[in-house]
Every structure is written in C-alpha cells, then in structure tokens.
Amino acid sequence: MDAKKYKGLATTAIRTGHHRTPENEHSDPIFLTSSYVFENAETAAAVFAGDTPGNIYSRFTNPTVQSFEKRLAAMEGGERCVATASGMSAILSVCMGCLKSGDHIVVSQSIFGTTTVLFNQHLTKFGIETTTVELTDIESWQSAIRDNTRLLFLETPSNPLTELVDIKQLAELAHDNDCLLVIDNCFCTPILQRPLELGADIVVHSVTKYIDGQGRCMGGAIIGSEEIVGKDVYGFLRTGGPTMSAFNAWVFIKGLETLSVRIRAQCESAMKIAQWLEQHEQVNHVYYPGLTSHPQHELATQQQTGYGAIVAFEVGNSKQDAWDFINRIDMISITANLGDVKTTLTHPASTTHGKIAPELRVKAGIQENLLRLSIGLEDVEDLITDLSCAFNVD
C-alpha cells in the first residue's frame, strides 16, 4: 500500500512497507537468508544488471530490511532509507558516500563523543578536514564554510545538553553554499521532529535507541532523496557492507509500531522529572527543552512536537560529586545507552564523551559534574524516589 494515504505517523509506523507473502501472514516475516534463487540464467543476469527488480544478496537486498527502510522513510518524509549495522556506521556511510579527499565538513561541537572521534581522527586519514563550531551560533557556521565545504553535520537536540539550532535557517545557509545539511534525529525520532520537512537533506538515526526502544539490537539508518541516499549512500553500503541484519530489522519494525505511544509517554515523564530537578536545592542546573529556562525553549516549541526524554543536570562541583550521586542510585540503570523503556543514568565526561580532550569537553559545556538521564516508562513516582535517595542528605 502507498504510505502517502495515511494521515498519521502512528498508522504509517504500523502499516507501511509490509507486502504479504503467499502465506498471508499478519505480522511482518523475517527473511533469514543470505542469497536468493532465480528462475533461470536469464532472470539472474537481468536482476544482477539492474534491468529487472529482485533480491540478489542480503548484504544489500533483503525483504525484511527493505520493509523497515520503507516504513522509516515514510515516517521521516524521505524518498529513500538505507539501513545499516549501527548508528555510527550510518554516519560513516554518509561520509563515504557523499565526500571525497579534499572535501571539508563543518560539525557542531555538541555531538556524541564517538562521532567527534570519527570526524577528527579517522576521516582525516582520507584527506577530509573538519571544522567544529558552536551549535546555536549561525554566524559561526557561516564563518566556517569554505569553498570546498561539502557537508554540515549536527545533532538537534544535542547530546547531552539538548541544545537546538534553527533547522530552517541552517538549511538555507547550507544550500546557499552548495552544502548538504545532515541532521542526527536520534533524540526526537520522526514522532517529535521531521528535519527533511524543515530543509535538511539527510537524516541519520541510531535506531539502537528509541526506535528499538528496549535495548535489544544495534542498527542505524540514513533517510533522504533517491539521488543522494538511494545512489551515493546505498552505493557505499552495497560495496562496503555495513549491513543491517534481517533479524535486527524485524525487531526495529516491531519497535516502530509502538514508537509513538512510547515517545509521548516518555516525554510526559521527562517533563515532570525536569521540573522536579529544577526545584531541587542540590541541583545546580537542568537542561531540558521543555523548561522555560532552556535558552531554546521557544525554538523547540516551534520545530518539535514534543520536548524529548533526555534530561541533563549538574550536581555538586566535581566528578566525584557526580560519581557519588550515581553510586547511590538503586533502580535506575547505570549505562551509557539511551532511548530504553528502562530509565538510564550516565556520566558523559567519563563515558560517552570520555575520549574527547578535556578542553574540548569544557568548550562544549560538558562539565565534570554533569549527569544525563534518559527517561523510560517506569512510574514517575518511583523514579523520583530513586533520585531522591541519590542526593546527599547530610
């Protein structure tokens, strides 16, 4: 069925991309096969040549993966989705498919630590230069663009401080300078934000996070036009092979079916937690776009349909103060993952952003006493009780 007939994202997330087999199954099937059989030599040759559609090899053609891709593409409003083995392989695939030696990229300083390492350590080996800028300062983006700049990359909201940038404004800047705008939409998912509708060229996801929603499988995705994602990025995946497994794709299909209700519930709980933390005498600062104290609160209200489930806050004055808080936690999971139905707590400076130079962490606003909560689906009262016990009561 044509995904365009559905008015709602929840319906699209449940009904798009499933083409029933002759078995007339109701749930999406899993095609756990590495290769496919052809009727005859002529058909095999035609499919390999691209003259006839068909499956060739599950490194780049698998019905279960394609079902997931079609569903997520429809939800993001893109022409094409390419699924990958992880969120990082999605970002790598964009770079390898769209960049060449001698190109330059401009990157927000407020991105996931491993993404920073990819840009600053590994892409430089291929002659690709990176300039880092402050996410919220459009003028700094403008100043950093060169004649050979090909791509602007950012997360909005950012990890872990939930900073935002005006996507429409940055898209205009990118296109005026013949650059691609790439948005990591992991924190919002298409339920809360659709960057392509705001002018972005490519959206990337770590579908390991909210799209799975239960911390089960690794996966990534790239969504955009048929020309860029369908040719350039897919061409790299077909040859390079950072492929999503069929089983993982099936898990993510199931995740998409409940994504809307999960995200909305998590947003509701996150707002309550953020408001509670902001009033707590032992909390120095809370970072959450839903709070009026957040510097981009109005922008979040304009370009998102919800504020997300990530809440960052500062306690005490040192790393040890933050660690002591973590060590007094009872129920909440101490892990660097996010987007789970189980609430998680992370110390970014020593984990997710630990490989970034200390001076760069400080420049990005990631202090030693900063903690990041990813709010799950537990009862808010139980979460507040657990957090209450973690504060120093002496």
Foldseek 3Di string as FASTA:
>chain_A
DDLVVDDDLLCLLQDFQADDDPVRDPAHDFDQDFADDDPDPVRLVCCVVVNDPDTGGQLQDDSLLRSLFRSQQSLLVFPTKAKFQALVVQVVLLCQLFHAAPAEEEEELQAWQVVVCCQPPPVVVRNYYYHYDHAADLVRVLVPDDLRYAEYEYEQLGPAQNDHYQLLVNLVSQVVSNHAYEYADAQARSLWFRSVVSRHAKYKYFCCAQLLAANDGTMMMMGHYCVRCVPRSSVCSVPVRSHHHSVVSSSSSVSSNCSNVFFVLLLVLQVVVQVVLVPDPQWPDKRWLCDPPHPCVVVSVVRTPTTGNKMKTFGDDALVLQVLLVVQFDQQADDPGARHLGKYKYQCCCPRNVVPPPVSCVVNVRGSRMMMIHGHNDPSVVVVVRSVRSDDPD
